[in-house]
């Protein structure tokens, strides 16, 4: 049984999110949650929410037959979202562009049997 959760338009750059996402890829869901809850990164809290949601989706999709302890993070990836562009005033009438990058996070969990 496979289930996924998607969080879109996260106000964080994909590069920062991928550092945390790479640490939990392939881990059991319980172990990944323990690791993320101890991690002092903003991305860890966001990934925890997506992981809990994906596990709940798997349980709901199977009608309660899937044990949450048997789930693993099959795949997790972070794509770039829309870039919010802002301008910063500089000296002598110039301006520099500031890019606020956003991310789309996708988490896929699967039980060990598949």
C-alpha atoms as a PDB file:
ATOM      1  CA  UNK A   1       0.000   0.000   0.000  1.00  0.00           C
ATOM      2  CA  UNK A   2       1.382   3.341  -1.046  1.00  0.00           C
ATOM      3  CA  UNK A   3       0.194   6.783   0.048  1.00  0.00           C
ATOM      4  CA  UNK A   4       1.513  10.278  -0.374  1.00  0.00           C
ATOM      5  CA  UNK A   5       1.209  13.783   1.006  1.00  0.00           C
ATOM      6  CA  UNK A   6       2.020  17.025  -0.785  1.00  0.00           C
ATOM      7  CA  UNK A   7       2.691  20.433   0.745  1.00  0.00           C
ATOM      8  CA  UNK A   8       2.970  23.272  -1.749  1.00  0.00           C
ATOM      9  CA  UNK A   9       4.190  26.878  -1.599  1.00  0.00           C
ATOM     10  CA  UNK A  10       6.460  26.456   1.430  1.00  0.00           C
ATOM     11  CA  UNK A  11       8.318  29.705   2.132  1.00  0.00           C
ATOM     12  CA  UNK A  12      11.771  28.117   2.181  1.00  0.00           C
ATOM     13  CA  UNK A  13      14.321  27.494  -0.511  1.00  0.00           C
ATOM     14  CA  UNK A  14      14.420  23.963  -1.963  1.00  0.00           C
ATOM     15  CA  UNK A  15      18.143  23.730  -1.282  1.00  0.00           C
ATOM     16  CA  UNK A  16      17.613  24.102   2.479  1.00  0.00           C
ATOM     17  CA  UNK A  17      14.716  21.631   2.476  1.00  0.00           C
ATOM     18  CA  UNK A  18      16.640  18.956   0.559  1.00  0.00           C
ATOM     19  CA  UNK A  19      19.332  18.768   3.251  1.00  0.00           C
ATOM     20  CA  UNK A  20      16.741  17.513   5.738  1.00  0.00           C
ATOM     21  CA  UNK A  21      14.735  15.445   3.229  1.00  0.00           C
ATOM     22  CA  UNK A  22      17.817  13.451   2.222  1.00  0.00           C
ATOM     23  CA  UNK A  23      18.333  12.337   5.837  1.00  0.00           C
ATOM     24  CA  UNK A  24      14.979  10.530   6.125  1.00  0.00           C
ATOM     25  CA  UNK A  25      14.726   8.924   2.679  1.00  0.00           C
ATOM     26  CA  UNK A  26      14.319   5.139   3.057  1.00  0.00           C
ATOM     27  CA  UNK A  27      13.902   5.254   6.853  1.00  0.00           C
ATOM     28  CA  UNK A  28      10.985   3.721   8.788  1.00  0.00           C
ATOM     29  CA  UNK A  29       8.339   6.351   9.525  1.00  0.00           C
ATOM     30  CA  UNK A  30       8.733   6.066  13.306  1.00  0.00           C
ATOM     31  CA  UNK A  31      12.506   6.442  13.162  1.00  0.00           C
ATOM     32  CA  UNK A  32      12.249   9.332  10.705  1.00  0.00           C
ATOM     33  CA  UNK A  33       9.813  11.167  12.987  1.00  0.00           C
ATOM     34  CA  UNK A  34      12.114  10.692  15.985  1.00  0.00           C
ATOM     35  CA  UNK A  35      15.074  12.009  13.996  1.00  0.00           C
ATOM     36  CA  UNK A  36      13.181  15.011  12.649  1.00  0.00           C
ATOM     37  CA  UNK A  37      11.730  16.045  15.999  1.00  0.00           C
ATOM     38  CA  UNK A  38      15.247  16.373  17.431  1.00  0.00           C
ATOM     39  CA  UNK A  39      16.596  18.311  14.458  1.00  0.00           C
ATOM     40  CA  UNK A  40      16.978  22.103  14.969  1.00  0.00           C
ATOM     41  CA  UNK A  41      15.977  23.046  11.405  1.00  0.00           C
ATOM     42  CA  UNK A  42      12.818  24.812  10.233  1.00  0.00           C
ATOM     43  CA  UNK A  43      12.462  22.282   7.395  1.00  0.00           C
ATOM     44  CA  UNK A  44      12.287  19.407   9.905  1.00  0.00           C
ATOM     45  CA  UNK A  45       8.988  20.631  11.355  1.00  0.00           C
ATOM     46  CA  UNK A  46       7.452  20.982   7.897  1.00  0.00           C
ATOM     47  CA  UNK A  47       8.584  17.499   6.859  1.00  0.00           C
ATOM     48  CA  UNK A  48       7.168  16.048  10.114  1.00  0.00           C
ATOM     49  CA  UNK A  49       3.728  17.403   9.195  1.00  0.00           C
ATOM     50  CA  UNK A  50       3.928  15.903   5.702  1.00  0.00           C
ATOM     51  CA  UNK A  51       5.165  12.548   7.026  1.00  0.00           C
ATOM     52  CA  UNK A  52       2.377  12.297   9.622  1.00  0.00           C
ATOM     53  CA  UNK A  53      -0.155  13.196   6.926  1.00  0.00           C
ATOM     54  CA  UNK A  54       1.198  10.575   4.507  1.00  0.00           C
ATOM     55  CA  UNK A  55       1.060   7.896   7.232  1.00  0.00           C
ATOM     56  CA  UNK A  56      -2.537   8.877   8.046  1.00  0.00           C
ATOM     57  CA  UNK A  57      -3.389   8.760   4.334  1.00  0.00           C
ATOM     58  CA  UNK A  58      -1.967   5.227   4.097  1.00  0.00           C
ATOM     59  CA  UNK A  59      -4.011   4.087   7.076  1.00  0.00           C
ATOM     60  CA  UNK A  60      -7.175   5.695   5.699  1.00  0.00           C
ATOM     61  CA  UNK A  61      -6.592   4.355   2.196  1.00  0.00           C
ATOM     62  CA  UNK A  62      -6.224   0.785   3.445  1.00  0.00           C
ATOM     63  CA  UNK A  63      -9.272   0.991   5.712  1.00  0.00           C
ATOM     64  CA  UNK A  64      -7.194   0.680   8.885  1.00  0.00           C
ATOM     65  CA  UNK A  65      -5.428  -2.532   7.805  1.00  0.00           C
ATOM     66  CA  UNK A  66      -1.939  -0.996   7.543  1.00  0.00           C
ATOM     67  CA  UNK A  67       0.118  -0.859  10.717  1.00  0.00           C
ATOM     68  CA  UNK A  68       1.773   2.597  10.947  1.00  0.00           C
ATOM     69  CA  UNK A  69       4.921   0.961  12.359  1.00  0.00           C
ATOM     70  CA  UNK A  70       5.414  -1.044   9.147  1.00  0.00           C
ATOM     71  CA  UNK A  71       5.539   2.051   6.906  1.00  0.00           C
ATOM     72  CA  UNK A  72       8.751   3.340   5.343  1.00  0.00           C
ATOM     73  CA  UNK A  73       9.576   6.583   3.563  1.00  0.00           C
ATOM     74  CA  UNK A  74       9.676   5.191   0.034  1.00  0.00           C
ATOM     75  CA  UNK A  75      10.524   8.517  -1.585  1.00  0.00           C
ATOM     76  CA  UNK A  76      10.666  12.165  -0.637  1.00  0.00           C
ATOM     77  CA  UNK A  77      11.495  15.032  -2.941  1.00  0.00           C
ATOM     78  CA  UNK A  78      11.518  18.806  -2.935  1.00  0.00           C
ATOM     79  CA  UNK A  79      10.754  20.803  -6.073  1.00  0.00           C
ATOM     80  CA  UNK A  80      11.086  24.521  -6.572  1.00  0.00           C
ATOM     81  CA  UNK A  81       7.926  26.579  -6.400  1.00  0.00           C
ATOM     82  CA  UNK A  82       7.220  30.083  -7.642  1.00  0.00           C
ATOM     83  CA  UNK A  83       9.824  32.711  -6.835  1.00  0.00           C
ATOM     84  CA  UNK A  84       8.564  35.820  -5.059  1.00  0.00           C
ATOM     85  CA  UNK A  85      10.544  38.792  -6.360  1.00  0.00           C
ATOM     86  CA  UNK A  86      11.189  41.885  -4.233  1.00  0.00           C
ATOM     87  CA  UNK A  87      13.410  44.947  -4.649  1.00  0.00           C
ATOM     88  CA  UNK A  88      15.952  46.326  -2.187  1.00  0.00           C
ATOM     89  CA  UNK A  89      16.937  49.989  -2.545  1.00  0.00           C
ATOM     90  CA  UNK A  90      20.680  50.585  -2.866  1.00  0.00           C
ATOM     91  CA  UNK A  91      22.961  53.574  -3.090  1.00  0.00           C
ATOM     92  CA  UNK A  92      22.814  56.166  -5.888  1.00  0.00           C
ATOM     93  CA  UNK A  93      19.260  55.323  -6.933  1.00  0.00           C
ATOM     94  CA  UNK A  94      19.962  51.718  -7.817  1.00  0.00           C
ATOM     95  CA  UNK A  95      18.015  48.644  -6.744  1.00  0.00           C
ATOM     96  CA  UNK A  96      18.889  44.974  -6.263  1.00  0.00           C
ATOM     97  CA  UNK A  97      16.413  42.156  -6.762  1.00  0.00           C
ATOM     98  CA  UNK A  98      15.742  39.815  -3.835  1.00  0.00           C
ATOM     99  CA  UNK A  99      14.397  36.363  -4.735  1.00  0.00           C
ATOM    100  CA  UNK A 100      12.284  34.638  -2.062  1.00  0.00           C
ATOM    101  CA  UNK A 101      12.295  31.023  -3.173  1.00  0.00           C
ATOM    102  CA  UNK A 102       9.459  28.619  -2.362  1.00  0.00           C
ATOM    103  CA  UNK A 103       9.242  24.827  -2.362  1.00  0.00           C
ATOM    104  CA  UNK A 104       6.851  21.987  -3.070  1.00  0.00           C
ATOM    105  CA  UNK A 105       7.365  18.910  -0.828  1.00  0.00           C
ATOM    106  CA  UNK A 106       6.132  15.419  -1.730  1.00  0.00           C
ATOM    107  CA  UNK A 107       6.387  12.437   0.642  1.00  0.00           C
ATOM    108  CA  UNK A 108       5.507   8.867  -0.411  1.00  0.00           C
ATOM    109  CA  UNK A 109       5.236   6.142   2.238  1.00  0.00           C
ATOM    110  CA  UNK A 110       4.817   2.446   1.613  1.00  0.00           C
ATOM    111  CA  UNK A 111       4.476  -0.665   3.745  1.00  0.00           C
ATOM    112  CA  UNK A 112       7.239  -3.289   3.724  1.00  0.00           C
ATOM    113  CA  UNK A 113       5.133  -5.881   1.899  1.00  0.00           C
ATOM    114  CA  UNK A 114       5.124  -4.068  -1.456  1.00  0.00           C
END
